[in-house]
PDB file of N, CA and C in Angstrom:
ATOM      1  N   UNK A   1       0.848  -1.168  -0.039  1.00  0.00           N
ATOM      2  CA  UNK A   1       0.072  -0.046  -0.027  1.00  0.00           C
ATOM      3  C   UNK A   1       0.824   1.238  -0.005  1.00  0.00           C
ATOM      4  N   UNK A   2       0.655   2.010  -0.876  1.00  0.00           N
ATOM      5  CA  UNK A   2       1.383   3.378  -1.028  1.00  0.00           C
ATOM      6  C   UNK A   2       0.974   4.407   0.062  1.00  0.00           C
ATOM      7  N   UNK A   3       1.884   5.305   0.388  1.00  0.00           N
ATOM      8  CA  UNK A   3       1.421   6.396   1.410  1.00  0.00           C
ATOM      9  C   UNK A   3       0.262   7.235   0.819  1.00  0.00           C
ATOM     10  N   UNK A   4       0.040   7.291  -0.338  1.00  0.00           N
ATOM     11  CA  UNK A   4      -1.119   8.237  -0.850  1.00  0.00           C
ATOM     12  C   UNK A   4      -2.408   7.559  -0.799  1.00  0.00           C
ATOM     13  N   UNK A   5      -2.299   5.963  -0.641  1.00  0.00           N
ATOM     14  CA  UNK A   5      -3.729   5.309  -0.503  1.00  0.00           C
ATOM     15  C   UNK A   5      -4.319   5.492   0.883  1.00  0.00           C
ATOM     16  N   UNK A   6      -5.355   5.367   1.033  1.00  0.00           N
ATOM     17  CA  UNK A   6      -6.094   5.296   2.214  1.00  0.00           C
ATOM     18  C   UNK A   6      -6.728   3.879   2.378  1.00  0.00           C
ATOM     19  N   UNK A   7      -6.661   3.541   3.795  1.00  0.00           N
ATOM     20  CA  UNK A   7      -7.246   2.219   4.114  1.00  0.00           C
ATOM     21  C   UNK A   7      -8.817   2.312   4.156  1.00  0.00           C
ATOM     22  N   UNK A   8      -9.488   1.409   3.687  1.00  0.00           N
ATOM     23  CA  UNK A   8     -10.890   1.289   3.789  1.00  0.00           C
ATOM     24  C   UNK A   8     -11.386   1.330   5.217  1.00  0.00           C
ATOM     25  N   UNK A   9     -12.220   2.135   5.351  1.00  0.00           N
ATOM     26  CA  UNK A   9     -12.851   2.455   6.735  1.00  0.00           C
ATOM     27  C   UNK A   9     -13.671   1.323   7.234  1.00  0.00           C
ATOM     28  N   UNK A  10     -13.560   0.804   8.440  1.00  0.00           N
ATOM     29  CA  UNK A  10     -14.615  -0.207   8.808  1.00  0.00           C
ATOM     30  C   UNK A  10     -15.687   0.424   9.809  1.00  0.00           C
ATOM     31  N   UNK A  11     -16.937   0.044   9.658  1.00  0.00           N
ATOM     32  CA  UNK A  11     -18.033   0.451  10.598  1.00  0.00           C
ATOM     33  C   UNK A  11     -18.285  -0.309  11.703  1.00  0.00           C
ATOM     34  N   UNK A  12     -18.214  -0.008  13.002  1.00  0.00           N
ATOM     35  CA  UNK A  12     -18.359  -0.801  14.004  1.00  0.00           C
ATOM     36  C   UNK A  12     -19.840  -0.459  14.736  1.00  0.00           C
ATOM     37  N   UNK A  13     -20.450  -1.422  15.046  1.00  0.00           N
ATOM     38  CA  UNK A  13     -21.689  -1.233  15.812  1.00  0.00           C
ATOM     39  C   UNK A  13     -21.513  -0.832  17.062  1.00  0.00           C
ATOM     40  N   UNK A  14     -22.138   0.168  17.572  1.00  0.00           N
ATOM     41  CA  UNK A  14     -21.921   0.648  18.979  1.00  0.00           C
ATOM     42  C   UNK A  14     -23.279   0.611  19.583  1.00  0.00           C
ATOM     43  N   UNK A  15     -23.418   0.592  20.992  1.00  0.00           N
ATOM     44  CA  UNK A  15     -24.667   0.712  21.772  1.00  0.00           C
ATOM     45  C   UNK A  15     -24.585   2.207  22.362  1.00  0.00           C
ATOM     46  N   UNK A  16     -25.672   2.563  22.609  1.00  0.00           N
ATOM     47  CA  UNK A  16     -25.808   3.992  23.078  1.00  0.00           C
ATOM     48  C   UNK A  16     -25.116   4.186  24.536  1.00  0.00           C
ATOM     49  N   UNK A  17     -24.348   5.259  24.738  1.00  0.00           N
ATOM     50  CA  UNK A  17     -23.487   5.452  26.006  1.00  0.00           C
ATOM     51  C   UNK A  17     -24.665   5.421  27.119  1.00  0.00           C
ATOM     52  N   UNK A  18     -24.183   5.366  28.554  1.00  0.00           N
ATOM     53  CA  UNK A  18     -24.940   5.522  29.549  1.00  0.00           C
ATOM     54  C   UNK A  18     -25.399   6.914  29.681  1.00  0.00           C
ATOM     55  N   UNK A  19     -24.525   7.679  29.115  1.00  0.00           N
ATOM     56  CA  UNK A  19     -25.062   9.285  29.419  1.00  0.00           C
ATOM     57  C   UNK A  19     -26.002   9.767  28.337  1.00  0.00           C
ATOM     58  N   UNK A  20     -26.307   8.934  27.321  1.00  0.00           N
ATOM     59  CA  UNK A  20     -27.367   9.281  26.371  1.00  0.00           C
ATOM     60  C   UNK A  20     -28.753   9.044  27.171  1.00  0.00           C
ATOM     61  N   UNK A  21     -28.651   8.551  28.327  1.00  0.00           N
ATOM     62  CA  UNK A  21     -29.972   8.289  28.994  1.00  0.00           C
ATOM     63  C   UNK A  21     -30.570   9.377  29.717  1.00  0.00           C
ATOM     64  N   UNK A  22     -31.391   9.346  30.594  1.00  0.00           N
ATOM     65  CA  UNK A  22     -32.044  10.409  31.266  1.00  0.00           C
ATOM     66  C   UNK A  22     -31.074  11.209  32.082  1.00  0.00           C
ATOM     67  N   UNK A  23     -31.200  12.583  32.069  1.00  0.00           N
ATOM     68  CA  UNK A  23     -30.358  13.346  32.810  1.00  0.00           C
ATOM     69  C   UNK A  23     -30.521  13.162  34.380  1.00  0.00           C
ATOM     70  N   UNK A  24     -31.866  12.700  34.617  1.00  0.00           N
ATOM     71  CA  UNK A  24     -32.232  12.405  36.057  1.00  0.00           C
ATOM     72  C   UNK A  24     -31.376  11.658  36.701  1.00  0.00           C
ATOM     73  N   UNK A  25     -30.551  10.788  36.066  1.00  0.00           N
ATOM     74  CA  UNK A  25     -29.704  10.001  36.810  1.00  0.00           C
ATOM     75  C   UNK A  25     -28.462  10.556  37.544  1.00  0.00           C
ATOM     76  N   UNK A  26     -28.254  11.841  36.818  1.00  0.00           N
ATOM     77  CA  UNK A  26     -27.134  12.735  37.541  1.00  0.00           C
ATOM     78  C   UNK A  26     -27.589  13.674  38.516  1.00  0.00           C
ATOM     79  N   UNK A  27     -28.821  14.116  38.577  1.00  0.00           N
ATOM     80  CA  UNK A  27     -29.591  15.147  39.500  1.00  0.00           C
ATOM     81  C   UNK A  27     -30.117  14.343  40.651  1.00  0.00           C
ATOM     82  N   UNK A  28     -29.298  13.733  41.536  1.00  0.00           N
ATOM     83  CA  UNK A  28     -29.828  13.033  42.653  1.00  0.00           C
ATOM     84  C   UNK A  28     -30.098  13.864  43.821  1.00  0.00           C
ATOM     85  N   UNK A  29     -31.312  14.009  44.119  1.00  0.00           N
ATOM     86  CA  UNK A  29     -31.730  14.834  45.287  1.00  0.00           C
ATOM     87  C   UNK A  29     -30.954  14.091  46.699  1.00  0.00           C
ATOM     88  N   UNK A  30     -30.844  14.918  47.601  1.00  0.00           N
ATOM     89  CA  UNK A  30     -30.150  14.605  48.928  1.00  0.00           C
ATOM     90  C   UNK A  30     -31.249  14.000  49.801  1.00  0.00           C
ATOM     91  N   UNK A  31     -31.115  12.670  50.212  1.00  0.00           N
ATOM     92  CA  UNK A  31     -32.032  12.159  51.143  1.00  0.00           C
ATOM     93  C   UNK A  31     -32.041  12.692  52.648  1.00  0.00           C
ATOM     94  N   UNK A  32     -32.327  11.901  53.470  1.00  0.00           N
ATOM     95  CA  UNK A  32     -32.251  12.354  54.917  1.00  0.00           C
ATOM     96  C   UNK A  32     -30.968  12.161  55.523  1.00  0.00           C
ATOM     97  N   UNK A  33     -29.939  11.549  54.751  1.00  0.00           N
ATOM     98  CA  UNK A  33     -28.705  11.217  55.274  1.00  0.00           C
ATOM     99  C   UNK A  33     -27.784  12.506  55.507  1.00  0.00           C
ATOM    100  N   UNK A  34     -28.009  13.732  54.993  1.00  0.00           N
ATOM    101  CA  UNK A  34     -27.084  14.662  55.012  1.00  0.00           C
ATOM    102  C   UNK A  34     -27.164  15.150  56.579  1.00  0.00           C
ATOM    103  N   UNK A  35     -25.727  15.254  57.184  1.00  0.00           N
ATOM    104  CA  UNK A  35     -25.595  15.582  58.457  1.00  0.00           C
ATOM    105  C   UNK A  35     -25.113  17.199  58.720  1.00  0.00           C
ATOM    106  N   UNK A  36     -24.576  17.667  57.527  1.00  0.00           N
ATOM    107  CA  UNK A  36     -24.247  19.023  57.678  1.00  0.00           C
ATOM    108  C   UNK A  36     -24.622  19.715  56.537  1.00  0.00           C
ATOM    109  N   UNK A  37     -24.969  20.957  56.843  1.00  0.00           N
ATOM    110  CA  UNK A  37     -25.459  21.993  55.624  1.00  0.00           C
ATOM    111  C   UNK A  37     -24.578  23.208  55.700  1.00  0.00           C
ATOM    112  N   UNK A  38     -24.390  23.824  54.343  1.00  0.00           N
ATOM    113  CA  UNK A  38     -23.588  24.975  54.357  1.00  0.00           C
ATOM    114  C   UNK A  38     -24.639  26.292  54.434  1.00  0.00           C
ATOM    115  N   UNK A  39     -24.031  27.188  55.192  1.00  0.00           N
ATOM    116  CA  UNK A  39     -24.674  28.336  55.524  1.00  0.00           C
ATOM    117  C   UNK A  39     -23.764  29.501  55.020  1.00  0.00           C
ATOM    118  N   UNK A  40     -24.315  30.392  53.925  1.00  0.00           N
ATOM    119  CA  UNK A  40     -23.460  31.425  53.352  1.00  0.00           C
ATOM    120  C   UNK A  40     -23.634  32.738  54.099  1.00  0.00           C
ATOM    121  N   UNK A  41     -22.624  33.285  54.667  1.00  0.00           N
ATOM    122  CA  UNK A  41     -22.473  34.596  55.122  1.00  0.00           C
ATOM    123  C   UNK A  41     -22.120  35.668  54.164  1.00  0.00           C
ATOM    124  N   UNK A  42     -23.244  36.144  53.658  1.00  0.00           N
ATOM    125  CA  UNK A  42     -23.199  37.038  52.322  1.00  0.00           C
ATOM    126  C   UNK A  42     -22.088  38.386  52.677  1.00  0.00           C
ATOM    127  N   UNK A  43     -22.050  38.750  53.902  1.00  0.00           N
ATOM    128  CA  UNK A  43     -21.084  39.945  54.008  1.00  0.00           C
ATOM    129  C   UNK A  43     -19.723  39.541  53.846  1.00  0.00           C
ATOM    130  N   UNK A  44     -19.306  38.229  54.079  1.00  0.00           N
ATOM    131  CA  UNK A  44     -17.932  37.937  53.937  1.00  0.00           C
ATOM    132  C   UNK A  44     -17.596  37.361  52.484  1.00  0.00           C
ATOM    133  N   UNK A  45     -18.598  37.111  51.723  1.00  0.00           N
ATOM    134  CA  UNK A  45     -18.413  36.478  50.452  1.00  0.00           C
ATOM    135  C   UNK A  45     -17.818  37.719  49.389  1.00  0.00           C
ATOM    136  N   UNK A  46     -16.743  37.338  48.846  1.00  0.00           N
ATOM    137  CA  UNK A  46     -15.867  38.346  47.884  1.00  0.00           C
ATOM    138  C   UNK A  46     -16.429  37.900  46.354  1.00  0.00           C
ATOM    139  N   UNK A  47     -17.198  36.964  46.234  1.00  0.00           N
ATOM    140  CA  UNK A  47     -17.668  36.572  44.787  1.00  0.00           C
ATOM    141  C   UNK A  47     -16.448  35.998  44.139  1.00  0.00           C
ATOM    142  N   UNK A  48     -15.521  35.301  44.786  1.00  0.00           N
ATOM    143  CA  UNK A  48     -14.450  34.646  44.045  1.00  0.00           C
ATOM    144  C   UNK A  48     -14.812  33.567  43.067  1.00  0.00           C
ATOM    145  N   UNK A  49     -15.932  32.732  43.410  1.00  0.00           N
ATOM    146  CA  UNK A  49     -16.381  31.746  42.531  1.00  0.00           C
ATOM    147  C   UNK A  49     -15.654  30.325  43.058  1.00  0.00           C
ATOM    148  N   UNK A  50     -14.957  30.309  43.879  1.00  0.00           N
ATOM    149  CA  UNK A  50     -14.192  28.906  44.160  1.00  0.00           C
ATOM    150  C   UNK A  50     -15.101  27.897  44.708  1.00  0.00           C
ATOM    151  N   UNK A  51     -16.091  28.293  45.456  1.00  0.00           N
ATOM    152  CA  UNK A  51     -17.243  27.423  46.069  1.00  0.00           C
ATOM    153  C   UNK A  51     -17.924  26.889  44.730  1.00  0.00           C
ATOM    154  N   UNK A  52     -18.425  27.753  43.902  1.00  0.00           N
ATOM    155  CA  UNK A  52     -19.162  27.362  42.536  1.00  0.00           C
ATOM    156  C   UNK A  52     -18.221  26.321  41.796  1.00  0.00           C
ATOM    157  N   UNK A  53     -16.965  26.683  41.633  1.00  0.00           N
ATOM    158  CA  UNK A  53     -16.023  25.804  40.818  1.00  0.00           C
ATOM    159  C   UNK A  53     -15.773  24.390  41.384  1.00  0.00           C
ATOM    160  N   UNK A  54     -15.767  24.230  42.713  1.00  0.00           N
ATOM    161  CA  UNK A  54     -15.383  22.941  43.382  1.00  0.00           C
ATOM    162  C   UNK A  54     -16.652  22.152  43.940  1.00  0.00           C
ATOM    163  N   UNK A  55     -17.743  22.686  43.835  1.00  0.00           N
ATOM    164  CA  UNK A  55     -18.999  21.992  44.377  1.00  0.00           C
ATOM    165  C   UNK A  55     -19.143  20.721  43.322  1.00  0.00           C
ATOM    166  N   UNK A  56     -18.969  19.402  43.996  1.00  0.00           N
ATOM    167  CA  UNK A  56     -19.094  18.267  43.349  1.00  0.00           C
ATOM    168  C   UNK A  56     -20.534  17.972  42.614  1.00  0.00           C
ATOM    169  N   UNK A  57     -21.639  18.366  43.372  1.00  0.00           N
ATOM    170  CA  UNK A  57     -22.895  18.057  42.716  1.00  0.00           C
ATOM    171  C   UNK A  57     -23.455  19.341  42.023  1.00  0.00           C
ATOM    172  N   UNK A  58     -22.673  20.585  41.994  1.00  0.00           N
ATOM    173  CA  UNK A  58     -23.020  21.676  41.237  1.00  0.00           C
ATOM    174  C   UNK A  58     -24.317  22.280  41.899  1.00  0.00           C
ATOM    175  N   UNK A  59     -24.394  22.227  43.103  1.00  0.00           N
ATOM    176  CA  UNK A  59     -25.677  22.721  43.666  1.00  0.00           C
ATOM    177  C   UNK A  59     -25.414  24.308  44.080  1.00  0.00           C
ATOM    178  N   UNK A  60     -24.321  24.767  43.619  1.00  0.00           N
ATOM    179  CA  UNK A  60     -24.048  26.319  44.076  1.00  0.00           C
ATOM    180  C   UNK A  60     -24.477  27.195  42.869  1.00  0.00           C
ATOM    181  N   UNK A  61     -25.320  28.083  42.829  1.00  0.00           N
ATOM    182  CA  UNK A  61     -25.756  28.813  41.562  1.00  0.00           C
ATOM    183  C   UNK A  61     -24.822  30.109  41.667  1.00  0.00           C
ATOM    184  N   UNK A  62     -25.222  30.805  40.640  1.00  0.00           N
ATOM    185  CA  UNK A  62     -24.874  32.350  40.634  1.00  0.00           C
ATOM    186  C   UNK A  62     -25.696  33.476  40.492  1.00  0.00           C
ATOM    187  N   UNK A  63     -25.546  34.227  41.452  1.00  0.00           N
ATOM    188  CA  UNK A  63     -26.356  35.567  41.481  1.00  0.00           C
ATOM    189  C   UNK A  63     -25.499  36.715  41.511  1.00  0.00           C
ATOM    190  N   UNK A  64     -26.110  38.110  41.521  1.00  0.00           N
ATOM    191  CA  UNK A  64     -25.376  39.164  41.303  1.00  0.00           C
ATOM    192  C   UNK A  64     -24.128  39.352  42.338  1.00  0.00           C
ATOM    193  N   UNK A  65     -24.559  39.156  43.619  1.00  0.00           N
ATOM    194  CA  UNK A  65     -23.586  39.456  44.620  1.00  0.00           C
ATOM    195  C   UNK A  65     -23.111  38.265  45.616  1.00  0.00           C
ATOM    196  N   UNK A  66     -23.646  37.034  45.273  1.00  0.00           N
ATOM    197  CA  UNK A  66     -23.193  35.992  46.033  1.00  0.00           C
ATOM    198  C   UNK A  66     -23.709  34.593  45.264  1.00  0.00           C
ATOM    199  N   UNK A  67     -23.270  33.581  45.752  1.00  0.00           N
ATOM    200  CA  UNK A  67     -23.700  32.257  45.111  1.00  0.00           C
ATOM    201  C   UNK A  67     -24.495  31.444  46.003  1.00  0.00           C
ATOM    202  N   UNK A  68     -25.822  31.386  45.601  1.00  0.00           N
ATOM    203  CA  UNK A  68     -26.942  30.787  46.306  1.00  0.00           C
ATOM    204  C   UNK A  68     -26.657  29.229  46.270  1.00  0.00           C
ATOM    205  N   UNK A  69     -26.961  28.535  47.517  1.00  0.00           N
ATOM    206  CA  UNK A  69     -26.795  27.227  47.575  1.00  0.00           C
ATOM    207  C   UNK A  69     -28.228  26.488  47.527  1.00  0.00           C
ATOM    208  N   UNK A  70     -28.285  25.406  46.565  1.00  0.00           N
ATOM    209  CA  UNK A  70     -29.600  24.740  46.503  1.00  0.00           C
ATOM    210  C   UNK A  70     -29.611  23.519  47.442  1.00  0.00           C
ATOM    211  N   UNK A  71     -30.170  23.582  48.618  1.00  0.00           N
ATOM    212  CA  UNK A  71     -30.091  22.578  49.464  1.00  0.00           C
ATOM    213  C   UNK A  71     -30.674  21.147  49.131  1.00  0.00           C
ATOM    214  N   UNK A  72     -31.471  21.296  48.178  1.00  0.00           N
ATOM    215  CA  UNK A  72     -32.135  20.089  47.585  1.00  0.00           C
ATOM    216  C   UNK A  72     -31.041  19.059  47.023  1.00  0.00           C
ATOM    217  N   UNK A  73     -30.114  19.607  46.502  1.00  0.00           N
ATOM    218  CA  UNK A  73     -29.015  18.679  45.866  1.00  0.00           C
ATOM    219  C   UNK A  73     -27.670  18.668  46.565  1.00  0.00           C
ATOM    220  N   UNK A  74     -27.703  19.513  47.722  1.00  0.00           N
ATOM    221  CA  UNK A  74     -26.338  19.550  48.482  1.00  0.00           C
ATOM    222  C   UNK A  74     -26.253  18.412  49.425  1.00  0.00           C
ATOM    223  N   UNK A  75     -24.999  17.788  49.146  1.00  0.00           N
ATOM    224  CA  UNK A  75     -24.814  16.622  49.896  1.00  0.00           C
ATOM    225  C   UNK A  75     -24.101  16.720  51.341  1.00  0.00           C
ATOM    226  N   UNK A  76     -23.747  18.035  51.679  1.00  0.00           N
ATOM    227  CA  UNK A  76     -23.040  18.298  52.984  1.00  0.00           C
ATOM    228  C   UNK A  76     -21.593  17.929  52.972  1.00  0.00           C
ATOM    229  N   UNK A  77     -21.003  17.898  51.733  1.00  0.00           N
ATOM    230  CA  UNK A  77     -19.460  17.410  51.930  1.00  0.00           C
ATOM    231  C   UNK A  77     -18.598  18.373  52.446  1.00  0.00           C
ATOM    232  N   UNK A  78     -18.982  19.694  52.451  1.00  0.00           N
ATOM    233  CA  UNK A  78     -18.195  20.766  53.007  1.00  0.00           C
ATOM    234  C   UNK A  78     -17.083  21.205  52.080  1.00  0.00           C
ATOM    235  N   UNK A  79     -16.972  20.772  50.802  1.00  0.00           N
ATOM    236  CA  UNK A  79     -15.782  21.214  50.067  1.00  0.00           C
ATOM    237  C   UNK A  79     -16.078  22.658  49.733  1.00  0.00           C
ATOM    238  N   UNK A  80     -17.201  23.148  49.651  1.00  0.00           N
ATOM    239  CA  UNK A  80     -17.399  24.685  49.476  1.00  0.00           C
ATOM    240  C   UNK A  80     -16.713  25.432  50.488  1.00  0.00           C
ATOM    241  N   UNK A  81     -16.992  25.059  51.812  1.00  0.00           N
ATOM    242  CA  UNK A  81     -16.583  25.755  53.066  1.00  0.00           C
ATOM    243  C   UNK A  81     -15.000  25.630  52.932  1.00  0.00           C
ATOM    244  N   UNK A  82     -14.506  24.593  52.720  1.00  0.00           N
ATOM    245  CA  UNK A  82     -12.975  24.420  52.809  1.00  0.00           C
ATOM    246  C   UNK A  82     -12.334  25.148  51.725  1.00  0.00           C
ATOM    247  N   UNK A  83     -12.837  25.416  50.506  1.00  0.00           N
ATOM    248  CA  UNK A  83     -12.213  26.091  49.473  1.00  0.00           C
ATOM    249  C   UNK A  83     -12.416  27.628  49.584  1.00  0.00           C
ATOM    250  N   UNK A  84     -13.343  27.998  50.363  1.00  0.00           N
ATOM    251  CA  UNK A  84     -13.601  29.493  50.604  1.00  0.00           C
ATOM    252  C   UNK A  84     -12.468  30.318  51.314  1.00  0.00           C
ATOM    253  N   UNK A  85     -11.859  31.241  50.580  1.00  0.00           N
ATOM    254  CA  UNK A  85     -10.633  31.827  51.196  1.00  0.00           C
ATOM    255  C   UNK A  85     -11.113  32.823  52.305  1.00  0.00           C
ATOM    256  N   UNK A  86     -12.257  33.260  52.493  1.00  0.00           N
ATOM    257  CA  UNK A  86     -12.667  34.252  53.454  1.00  0.00           C
ATOM    258  C   UNK A  86     -13.656  33.455  54.517  1.00  0.00           C
ATOM    259  N   UNK A  87     -13.856  32.330  54.502  1.00  0.00           N
ATOM    260  CA  UNK A  87     -14.642  31.505  55.420  1.00  0.00           C
ATOM    261  C   UNK A  87     -16.160  32.036  55.472  1.00  0.00           C
ATOM    262  N   UNK A  88     -16.532  32.259  54.201  1.00  0.00           N
ATOM    263  CA  UNK A  88     -17.923  32.890  53.917  1.00  0.00           C
ATOM    264  C   UNK A  88     -18.981  31.698  54.180  1.00  0.00           C
ATOM    265  N   UNK A  89     -18.621  30.561  54.082  1.00  0.00           N
ATOM    266  CA  UNK A  89     -19.469  29.282  54.120  1.00  0.00           C
ATOM    267  C   UNK A  89     -19.071  28.649  55.467  1.00  0.00           C
ATOM    268  N   UNK A  90     -20.172  28.444  56.347  1.00  0.00           N
ATOM    269  CA  UNK A  90     -19.951  27.672  57.354  1.00  0.00           C
ATOM    270  C   UNK A  90     -20.828  26.273  57.264  1.00  0.00           C
ATOM    271  N   UNK A  91     -20.356  25.278  57.836  1.00  0.00           N
ATOM    272  CA  UNK A  91     -20.906  23.926  57.682  1.00  0.00           C
ATOM    273  C   UNK A  91     -21.567  23.862  59.245  1.00  0.00           C
ATOM    274  N   UNK A  92     -22.941  23.697  59.165  1.00  0.00           N
ATOM    275  CA  UNK A  92     -23.663  23.675  60.505  1.00  0.00           C
ATOM    276  C   UNK A  92     -24.484  22.274  60.540  1.00  0.00           C
ATOM    277  N   UNK A  93     -24.583  21.724  61.753  1.00  0.00           N
ATOM    278  CA  UNK A  93     -25.432  20.499  61.649  1.00  0.00           C
ATOM    279  C   UNK A  93     -26.863  20.577  61.033  1.00  0.00           C
ATOM    280  N   UNK A  94     -27.204  19.681  60.425  1.00  0.00           N
ATOM    281  CA  UNK A  94     -28.432  19.644  59.718  1.00  0.00           C
ATOM    282  C   UNK A  94     -29.467  19.812  60.718  1.00  0.00           C
ATOM    283  N   UNK A  95     -30.463  20.648  60.624  1.00  0.00           N
ATOM    284  CA  UNK A  95     -31.556  20.991  61.562  1.00  0.00           C
ATOM    285  C   UNK A  95     -31.205  22.163  62.531  1.00  0.00           C
ATOM    286  N   UNK A  96     -29.899  22.463  62.645  1.00  0.00           N
ATOM    287  CA  UNK A  96     -29.547  23.711  63.671  1.00  0.00           C
ATOM    288  C   UNK A  96     -30.101  24.945  63.275  1.00  0.00           C
ATOM    289  N   UNK A  97     -30.425  25.151  61.811  1.00  0.00           N
ATOM    290  CA  UNK A  97     -30.943  26.438  61.442  1.00  0.00           C
ATOM    291  C   UNK A  97     -32.401  26.691  61.895  1.00  0.00           C
ATOM    292  N   UNK A  98     -33.112  25.398  61.871  1.00  0.00           N
ATOM    293  CA  UNK A  98     -34.614  25.624  62.426  1.00  0.00           C
ATOM    294  C   UNK A  98     -34.767  25.171  63.786  1.00  0.00           C
ATOM    295  N   UNK A  99     -33.901  24.905  64.459  1.00  0.00           N
ATOM    296  CA  UNK A  99     -33.854  24.561  65.969  1.00  0.00           C
ATOM    297  C   UNK A  99     -34.134  23.038  66.204  1.00  0.00           C
ATOM    298  N   UNK A 100     -33.856  22.224  65.305  1.00  0.00           N
ATOM    299  CA  UNK A 100     -34.118  20.711  65.526  1.00  0.00           C
ATOM    300  C   UNK A 100     -32.762  20.052  66.006  1.00  0.00           C
ATOM    301  N   UNK A 101     -31.590  20.629  65.832  1.00  0.00           N
ATOM    302  CA  UNK A 101     -30.342  19.981  66.161  1.00  0.00           C
ATOM    303  C   UNK A 101     -30.310  19.971  67.808  1.00  0.00           C
TER     304      UNK A 101
END
């Protein structure tokens, strides 16, 4: 076969990837197992975006002056609080905010 010739292309049959399925598989709501929840102290937030970038379930949104946290999808891992350079996010026991803890 000369360098200018091309090999015949083979077609392979493939199955659809798991990610072609429903997006609902990736958006798992937190059950009753979360023990810690993040609380944002807006006055300390410098809007650096590190919490938004490092949040594994991507439950931190973007607003004009802070990053709102969607507690429905928050797993309570504390990575956002750990990455925050100004300690604007505090992890508190689940239920402490409403007097249940």
